């Protein structure tokens, strides 16, 4: 992961130095629809779990049609599982750092694609039945990897010079507990996200 950060820093410096137009900073927020997937494609019959994301972004022009677009986001992920006993849900809070390239396709429509590094902040597990609910926070965080490498692909559409809408799909390339315990199911996070961005 150090190589990714070195590459990102190099792109940021080179892009800022050779930018065809000014570097623009912005904020963004949106909704996450998260779930999990096993390495073999079986998703445990889980359901999507809704959360949110919010953070800051930069837009660094490299050419007329390509920009370097790093972001730092707070992102909620997780999943839900319903059975005869009740509903179990797990919420995982991450700091996501997407290191993206934005490629102009047509008009104000951009393709965004690139790697992402995610850092685990906390986990919350909740089990609800007809008799009540049980909740714990951070009880099994030690069983999960603290950092994960993944990828992002999506699109953004400029509504105005400052405001855009975007949608994307993110998938972890690493399983959640490769350095954890065998008692924790092995899965990868996957997230669909939709939101708004504003550039200053």
C-alpha atoms as a PDB file:
ATOM      1  CA  UNK A   1       0.000   0.000   0.000  1.00  0.00           C
ATOM      2  CA  UNK A   2       2.976   2.301   0.450  1.00  0.00           C
ATOM      3  CA  UNK A   3       3.511   2.135  -3.315  1.00  0.00           C
ATOM      4  CA  UNK A   4      -0.050   3.334  -3.868  1.00  0.00           C
ATOM      5  CA  UNK A   5       0.456   6.329  -1.590  1.00  0.00           C
ATOM      6  CA  UNK A   6       3.785   7.161  -3.273  1.00  0.00           C
ATOM      7  CA  UNK A   7       2.105   6.930  -6.683  1.00  0.00           C
ATOM      8  CA  UNK A   8      -0.775   9.104  -5.502  1.00  0.00           C
ATOM      9  CA  UNK A   9       1.586  11.710  -4.080  1.00  0.00           C
ATOM     10  CA  UNK A  10       3.603  11.719  -7.303  1.00  0.00           C
ATOM     11  CA  UNK A  11       0.472  12.162  -9.426  1.00  0.00           C
ATOM     12  CA  UNK A  12      -0.759  14.950  -7.153  1.00  0.00           C
ATOM     13  CA  UNK A  13       2.529  16.872  -7.387  1.00  0.00           C
ATOM     14  CA  UNK A  14       2.964  16.285 -11.116  1.00  0.00           C
ATOM     15  CA  UNK A  15      -0.644  17.107 -11.837  1.00  0.00           C
ATOM     16  CA  UNK A  16      -0.619  20.274  -9.785  1.00  0.00           C
ATOM     17  CA  UNK A  17       2.608  21.418 -11.412  1.00  0.00           C
ATOM     18  CA  UNK A  18       1.434  20.724 -14.972  1.00  0.00           C
ATOM     19  CA  UNK A  19      -2.265  21.420 -14.608  1.00  0.00           C
ATOM     20  CA  UNK A  20      -3.868  22.906 -17.705  1.00  0.00           C
ATOM     21  CA  UNK A  21      -6.361  24.726 -15.487  1.00  0.00           C
ATOM     22  CA  UNK A  22      -6.526  25.444 -11.741  1.00  0.00           C
ATOM     23  CA  UNK A  23      -6.759  22.630  -9.208  1.00  0.00           C
ATOM     24  CA  UNK A  24     -10.258  22.562  -7.727  1.00  0.00           C
ATOM     25  CA  UNK A  25     -11.239  21.255  -4.315  1.00  0.00           C
ATOM     26  CA  UNK A  26     -14.682  20.162  -3.274  1.00  0.00           C
ATOM     27  CA  UNK A  27     -16.956  18.261  -0.934  1.00  0.00           C
ATOM     28  CA  UNK A  28     -19.266  15.358  -1.612  1.00  0.00           C
ATOM     29  CA  UNK A  29     -21.861  13.231   0.168  1.00  0.00           C
ATOM     30  CA  UNK A  30     -24.233  10.456  -0.695  1.00  0.00           C
ATOM     31  CA  UNK A  31     -25.849   7.151   0.132  1.00  0.00           C
ATOM     32  CA  UNK A  32     -24.127   3.752   0.243  1.00  0.00           C
ATOM     33  CA  UNK A  33     -25.937   0.500  -0.517  1.00  0.00           C
ATOM     34  CA  UNK A  34     -23.517  -2.073   0.856  1.00  0.00           C
ATOM     35  CA  UNK A  35     -23.379  -5.849   0.908  1.00  0.00           C
ATOM     36  CA  UNK A  36     -20.770  -8.584   1.071  1.00  0.00           C
ATOM     37  CA  UNK A  37     -19.588 -11.275  -1.300  1.00  0.00           C
ATOM     38  CA  UNK A  38     -17.550 -14.400  -0.686  1.00  0.00           C
ATOM     39  CA  UNK A  39     -14.484 -15.116  -2.757  1.00  0.00           C
ATOM     40  CA  UNK A  40     -16.396 -17.788  -4.702  1.00  0.00           C
ATOM     41  CA  UNK A  41     -19.278 -15.436  -5.492  1.00  0.00           C
ATOM     42  CA  UNK A  42     -21.775 -16.729  -2.889  1.00  0.00           C
ATOM     43  CA  UNK A  43     -23.110 -13.735  -0.976  1.00  0.00           C
ATOM     44  CA  UNK A  44     -24.431 -15.646   2.094  1.00  0.00           C
ATOM     45  CA  UNK A  45     -28.031 -14.775   1.082  1.00  0.00           C
ATOM     46  CA  UNK A  46     -27.523 -11.405   2.713  1.00  0.00           C
ATOM     47  CA  UNK A  47     -29.402  -8.194   2.016  1.00  0.00           C
ATOM     48  CA  UNK A  48     -28.058  -4.771   1.176  1.00  0.00           C
ATOM     49  CA  UNK A  49     -27.578  -2.334   4.030  1.00  0.00           C
ATOM     50  CA  UNK A  50     -28.027   1.406   3.580  1.00  0.00           C
ATOM     51  CA  UNK A  51     -25.458   3.860   4.982  1.00  0.00           C
ATOM     52  CA  UNK A  52     -23.853   7.101   3.939  1.00  0.00           C
ATOM     53  CA  UNK A  53     -20.573   8.568   2.729  1.00  0.00           C
ATOM     54  CA  UNK A  54     -19.138  12.073   2.979  1.00  0.00           C
ATOM     55  CA  UNK A  55     -15.770  13.702   2.459  1.00  0.00           C
ATOM     56  CA  UNK A  56     -13.497  15.924   0.425  1.00  0.00           C
ATOM     57  CA  UNK A  57     -12.108  15.679  -3.085  1.00  0.00           C
ATOM     58  CA  UNK A  58      -9.655  17.372  -5.444  1.00  0.00           C
ATOM     59  CA  UNK A  59      -9.778  17.684  -9.221  1.00  0.00           C
ATOM     60  CA  UNK A  60      -6.345  18.047 -10.827  1.00  0.00           C
ATOM     61  CA  UNK A  61      -6.364  18.385 -14.637  1.00  0.00           C
ATOM     62  CA  UNK A  62      -3.642  16.337 -16.350  1.00  0.00           C
ATOM     63  CA  UNK A  63      -4.811  16.878 -19.920  1.00  0.00           C
ATOM     64  CA  UNK A  64      -7.845  18.466 -21.527  1.00  0.00           C
ATOM     65  CA  UNK A  65      -9.895  15.303 -20.992  1.00  0.00           C
ATOM     66  CA  UNK A  66      -8.187  13.501 -18.069  1.00  0.00           C
ATOM     67  CA  UNK A  67      -8.010  14.558 -14.421  1.00  0.00           C
ATOM     68  CA  UNK A  68      -6.480  13.043 -11.296  1.00  0.00           C
ATOM     69  CA  UNK A  69      -9.228  12.944  -8.652  1.00  0.00           C
ATOM     70  CA  UNK A  70      -8.150  11.784  -5.169  1.00  0.00           C
ATOM     71  CA  UNK A  71     -10.729  11.670  -2.379  1.00  0.00           C
ATOM     72  CA  UNK A  72     -10.898  11.101   1.377  1.00  0.00           C
ATOM     73  CA  UNK A  73     -14.276   9.795   2.524  1.00  0.00           C
ATOM     74  CA  UNK A  74     -16.003   8.505   5.621  1.00  0.00           C
ATOM     75  CA  UNK A  75     -18.001   5.489   4.419  1.00  0.00           C
ATOM     76  CA  UNK A  76     -20.460   3.120   6.077  1.00  0.00           C
ATOM     77  CA  UNK A  77     -20.554  -0.466   4.826  1.00  0.00           C
ATOM     78  CA  UNK A  78     -21.914  -3.791   6.085  1.00  0.00           C
ATOM     79  CA  UNK A  79     -24.804  -6.160   5.467  1.00  0.00           C
ATOM     80  CA  UNK A  80     -28.045  -7.586   6.861  1.00  0.00           C
ATOM     81  CA  UNK A  81     -29.056 -11.204   7.326  1.00  0.00           C
ATOM     82  CA  UNK A  82     -32.580 -12.371   8.166  1.00  0.00           C
ATOM     83  CA  UNK A  83     -33.461 -15.851   9.417  1.00  0.00           C
ATOM     84  CA  UNK A  84     -36.113 -17.570  11.525  1.00  0.00           C
ATOM     85  CA  UNK A  85     -34.588 -16.172  14.717  1.00  0.00           C
ATOM     86  CA  UNK A  86     -34.551 -12.512  13.717  1.00  0.00           C
ATOM     87  CA  UNK A  87     -32.428  -9.973  11.844  1.00  0.00           C
ATOM     88  CA  UNK A  88     -28.671  -9.591  12.194  1.00  0.00           C
ATOM     89  CA  UNK A  89     -26.909  -6.523  10.824  1.00  0.00           C
ATOM     90  CA  UNK A  90     -23.289  -5.466  10.795  1.00  0.00           C
ATOM     91  CA  UNK A  91     -22.185  -1.874  10.222  1.00  0.00           C
ATOM     92  CA  UNK A  92     -18.529  -1.189   9.450  1.00  0.00           C
ATOM     93  CA  UNK A  93     -17.196   2.360   9.373  1.00  0.00           C
ATOM     94  CA  UNK A  94     -14.226   3.077   7.117  1.00  0.00           C
ATOM     95  CA  UNK A  95     -12.051   5.893   5.872  1.00  0.00           C
ATOM     96  CA  UNK A  96     -11.899   5.334   2.105  1.00  0.00           C
ATOM     97  CA  UNK A  97      -9.182   6.916  -0.045  1.00  0.00           C
ATOM     98  CA  UNK A  98     -10.084   6.463  -3.729  1.00  0.00           C
ATOM     99  CA  UNK A  99      -7.233   7.366  -6.094  1.00  0.00           C
ATOM    100  CA  UNK A 100      -9.160   7.968  -9.276  1.00  0.00           C
ATOM    101  CA  UNK A 101      -8.714   9.034 -12.857  1.00  0.00           C
ATOM    102  CA  UNK A 102     -11.604  11.008 -14.367  1.00  0.00           C
ATOM    103  CA  UNK A 103     -11.890  10.629 -18.143  1.00  0.00           C
ATOM    104  CA  UNK A 104     -14.226  12.899 -20.128  1.00  0.00           C
ATOM    105  CA  UNK A 105     -16.553  10.778 -22.275  1.00  0.00           C
ATOM    106  CA  UNK A 106     -18.952  13.297 -23.775  1.00  0.00           C
ATOM    107  CA  UNK A 107     -20.110  16.727 -22.701  1.00  0.00           C
ATOM    108  CA  UNK A 108     -20.255  16.876 -18.896  1.00  0.00           C
ATOM    109  CA  UNK A 109     -20.129  13.059 -18.492  1.00  0.00           C
ATOM    110  CA  UNK A 110     -16.972  11.543 -16.945  1.00  0.00           C
ATOM    111  CA  UNK A 111     -15.845   7.972 -16.345  1.00  0.00           C
ATOM    112  CA  UNK A 112     -14.100   7.567 -12.971  1.00  0.00           C
ATOM    113  CA  UNK A 113     -11.903   4.552 -12.245  1.00  0.00           C
ATOM    114  CA  UNK A 114      -9.003   3.616  -9.994  1.00  0.00           C
ATOM    115  CA  UNK A 115      -7.811   1.841  -6.837  1.00  0.00           C
ATOM    116  CA  UNK A 116      -9.048   2.511  -3.326  1.00  0.00           C
ATOM    117  CA  UNK A 117      -7.507   1.979   0.105  1.00  0.00           C
ATOM    118  CA  UNK A 118      -9.899   1.550   3.044  1.00  0.00           C
ATOM    119  CA  UNK A 119      -9.046   1.838   6.748  1.00  0.00           C
ATOM    120  CA  UNK A 120     -11.367   0.250   9.307  1.00  0.00           C
ATOM    121  CA  UNK A 121     -12.521   2.582  12.087  1.00  0.00           C
ATOM    122  CA  UNK A 122     -15.159   0.554  13.952  1.00  0.00           C
ATOM    123  CA  UNK A 123     -17.740  -2.209  13.695  1.00  0.00           C
ATOM    124  CA  UNK A 124     -21.212  -2.514  15.174  1.00  0.00           C
ATOM    125  CA  UNK A 125     -23.241  -5.719  15.316  1.00  0.00           C
ATOM    126  CA  UNK A 126     -26.961  -5.757  16.072  1.00  0.00           C
ATOM    127  CA  UNK A 127     -29.354  -8.693  16.477  1.00  0.00           C
ATOM    128  CA  UNK A 128     -33.081  -8.013  16.664  1.00  0.00           C
ATOM    129  CA  UNK A 129     -35.856 -10.461  17.532  1.00  0.00           C
ATOM    130  CA  UNK A 130     -39.479 -10.099  18.524  1.00  0.00           C
ATOM    131  CA  UNK A 131     -38.351  -9.973  22.144  1.00  0.00           C
ATOM    132  CA  UNK A 132     -35.791  -7.163  21.859  1.00  0.00           C
ATOM    133  CA  UNK A 133     -32.353  -6.415  20.477  1.00  0.00           C
ATOM    134  CA  UNK A 134     -28.707  -6.956  21.382  1.00  0.00           C
ATOM    135  CA  UNK A 135     -25.983  -4.613  20.185  1.00  0.00           C
ATOM    136  CA  UNK A 136     -22.213  -4.497  20.502  1.00  0.00           C
ATOM    137  CA  UNK A 137     -19.641  -2.030  19.196  1.00  0.00           C
ATOM    138  CA  UNK A 138     -16.061  -2.964  18.253  1.00  0.00           C
ATOM    139  CA  UNK A 139     -16.360  -6.410  19.884  1.00  0.00           C
ATOM    140  CA  UNK A 140     -14.900  -8.241  16.909  1.00  0.00           C
ATOM    141  CA  UNK A 141     -12.857  -5.498  15.255  1.00  0.00           C
ATOM    142  CA  UNK A 142      -9.643  -7.374  16.060  1.00  0.00           C
ATOM    143  CA  UNK A 143     -10.830 -10.199  13.787  1.00  0.00           C
ATOM    144  CA  UNK A 144     -10.874  -7.928  10.729  1.00  0.00           C
ATOM    145  CA  UNK A 145      -8.071  -6.484   8.638  1.00  0.00           C
ATOM    146  CA  UNK A 146      -7.455  -2.851   9.486  1.00  0.00           C
ATOM    147  CA  UNK A 147      -6.753  -1.874   5.863  1.00  0.00           C
ATOM    148  CA  UNK A 148      -8.057  -3.198   2.561  1.00  0.00           C
ATOM    149  CA  UNK A 149      -7.214  -2.604  -1.079  1.00  0.00           C
ATOM    150  CA  UNK A 150     -10.038  -2.378  -3.601  1.00  0.00           C
ATOM    151  CA  UNK A 151     -11.165  -0.795  -6.833  1.00  0.00           C
ATOM    152  CA  UNK A 152     -13.761   1.756  -7.942  1.00  0.00           C
ATOM    153  CA  UNK A 153     -15.553   2.357 -11.228  1.00  0.00           C
ATOM    154  CA  UNK A 154     -18.357   4.768 -11.916  1.00  0.00           C
ATOM    155  CA  UNK A 155     -19.482   7.966 -13.587  1.00  0.00           C
ATOM    156  CA  UNK A 156     -20.216  11.578 -12.737  1.00  0.00           C
ATOM    157  CA  UNK A 157     -22.326  14.106 -14.567  1.00  0.00           C
ATOM    158  CA  UNK A 158     -21.845  17.839 -14.226  1.00  0.00           C
ATOM    159  CA  UNK A 159     -25.163  19.591 -13.614  1.00  0.00           C
ATOM    160  CA  UNK A 160     -23.459  22.985 -13.433  1.00  0.00           C
ATOM    161  CA  UNK A 161     -19.871  24.210 -13.332  1.00  0.00           C
ATOM    162  CA  UNK A 162     -19.807  23.509  -9.594  1.00  0.00           C
ATOM    163  CA  UNK A 163     -22.393  20.772  -8.954  1.00  0.00           C
ATOM    164  CA  UNK A 164     -22.356  17.159 -10.114  1.00  0.00           C
ATOM    165  CA  UNK A 165     -24.171  13.900  -9.487  1.00  0.00           C
ATOM    166  CA  UNK A 166     -22.290  10.617  -9.390  1.00  0.00           C
ATOM    167  CA  UNK A 167     -22.724   6.884  -9.075  1.00  0.00           C
ATOM    168  CA  UNK A 168     -20.119   4.179  -8.608  1.00  0.00           C
ATOM    169  CA  UNK A 169     -19.396   0.604  -7.612  1.00  0.00           C
ATOM    170  CA  UNK A 170     -16.562  -0.346  -5.245  1.00  0.00           C
ATOM    171  CA  UNK A 171     -15.267  -3.833  -4.491  1.00  0.00           C
ATOM    172  CA  UNK A 172     -12.534  -4.906  -2.085  1.00  0.00           C
ATOM    173  CA  UNK A 173      -9.821  -7.046  -3.657  1.00  0.00           C
ATOM    174  CA  UNK A 174      -8.910  -8.529  -0.255  1.00  0.00           C
ATOM    175  CA  UNK A 175     -11.014 -10.594   2.117  1.00  0.00           C
ATOM    176  CA  UNK A 176     -11.923  -8.933   5.397  1.00  0.00           C
ATOM    177  CA  UNK A 177     -10.090 -11.333   7.699  1.00  0.00           C
ATOM    178  CA  UNK A 178      -7.019 -12.607   5.872  1.00  0.00           C
ATOM    179  CA  UNK A 179      -5.043 -11.588   8.950  1.00  0.00           C
ATOM    180  CA  UNK A 180      -7.915 -12.244  11.357  1.00  0.00           C
ATOM    181  CA  UNK A 181      -9.379 -15.386  12.922  1.00  0.00           C
ATOM    182  CA  UNK A 182     -10.924 -18.467  11.382  1.00  0.00           C
ATOM    183  CA  UNK A 183     -14.092 -17.838  13.439  1.00  0.00           C
ATOM    184  CA  UNK A 184     -14.994 -14.827  11.283  1.00  0.00           C
ATOM    185  CA  UNK A 185     -16.601 -15.559   7.882  1.00  0.00           C
ATOM    186  CA  UNK A 186     -14.347 -14.534   5.013  1.00  0.00           C
ATOM    187  CA  UNK A 187     -15.959 -11.989   2.721  1.00  0.00           C
ATOM    188  CA  UNK A 188     -15.301  -8.886   0.662  1.00  0.00           C
ATOM    189  CA  UNK A 189     -17.150  -5.595   0.909  1.00  0.00           C
ATOM    190  CA  UNK A 190     -19.018  -4.340  -2.123  1.00  0.00           C
ATOM    191  CA  UNK A 191     -20.779  -0.969  -2.258  1.00  0.00           C
ATOM    192  CA  UNK A 192     -22.992   0.904  -4.688  1.00  0.00           C
ATOM    193  CA  UNK A 193     -22.939   4.620  -3.926  1.00  0.00           C
ATOM    194  CA  UNK A 194     -24.841   7.601  -5.274  1.00  0.00           C
ATOM    195  CA  UNK A 195     -24.515  11.250  -4.337  1.00  0.00           C
ATOM    196  CA  UNK A 196     -23.772  14.879  -5.041  1.00  0.00           C
ATOM    197  CA  UNK A 197     -20.467  16.727  -5.305  1.00  0.00           C
ATOM    198  CA  UNK A 198     -19.713  20.429  -5.126  1.00  0.00           C
ATOM    199  CA  UNK A 199     -16.486  22.034  -6.366  1.00  0.00           C
ATOM    200  CA  UNK A 200     -15.341  25.420  -5.071  1.00  0.00           C
END
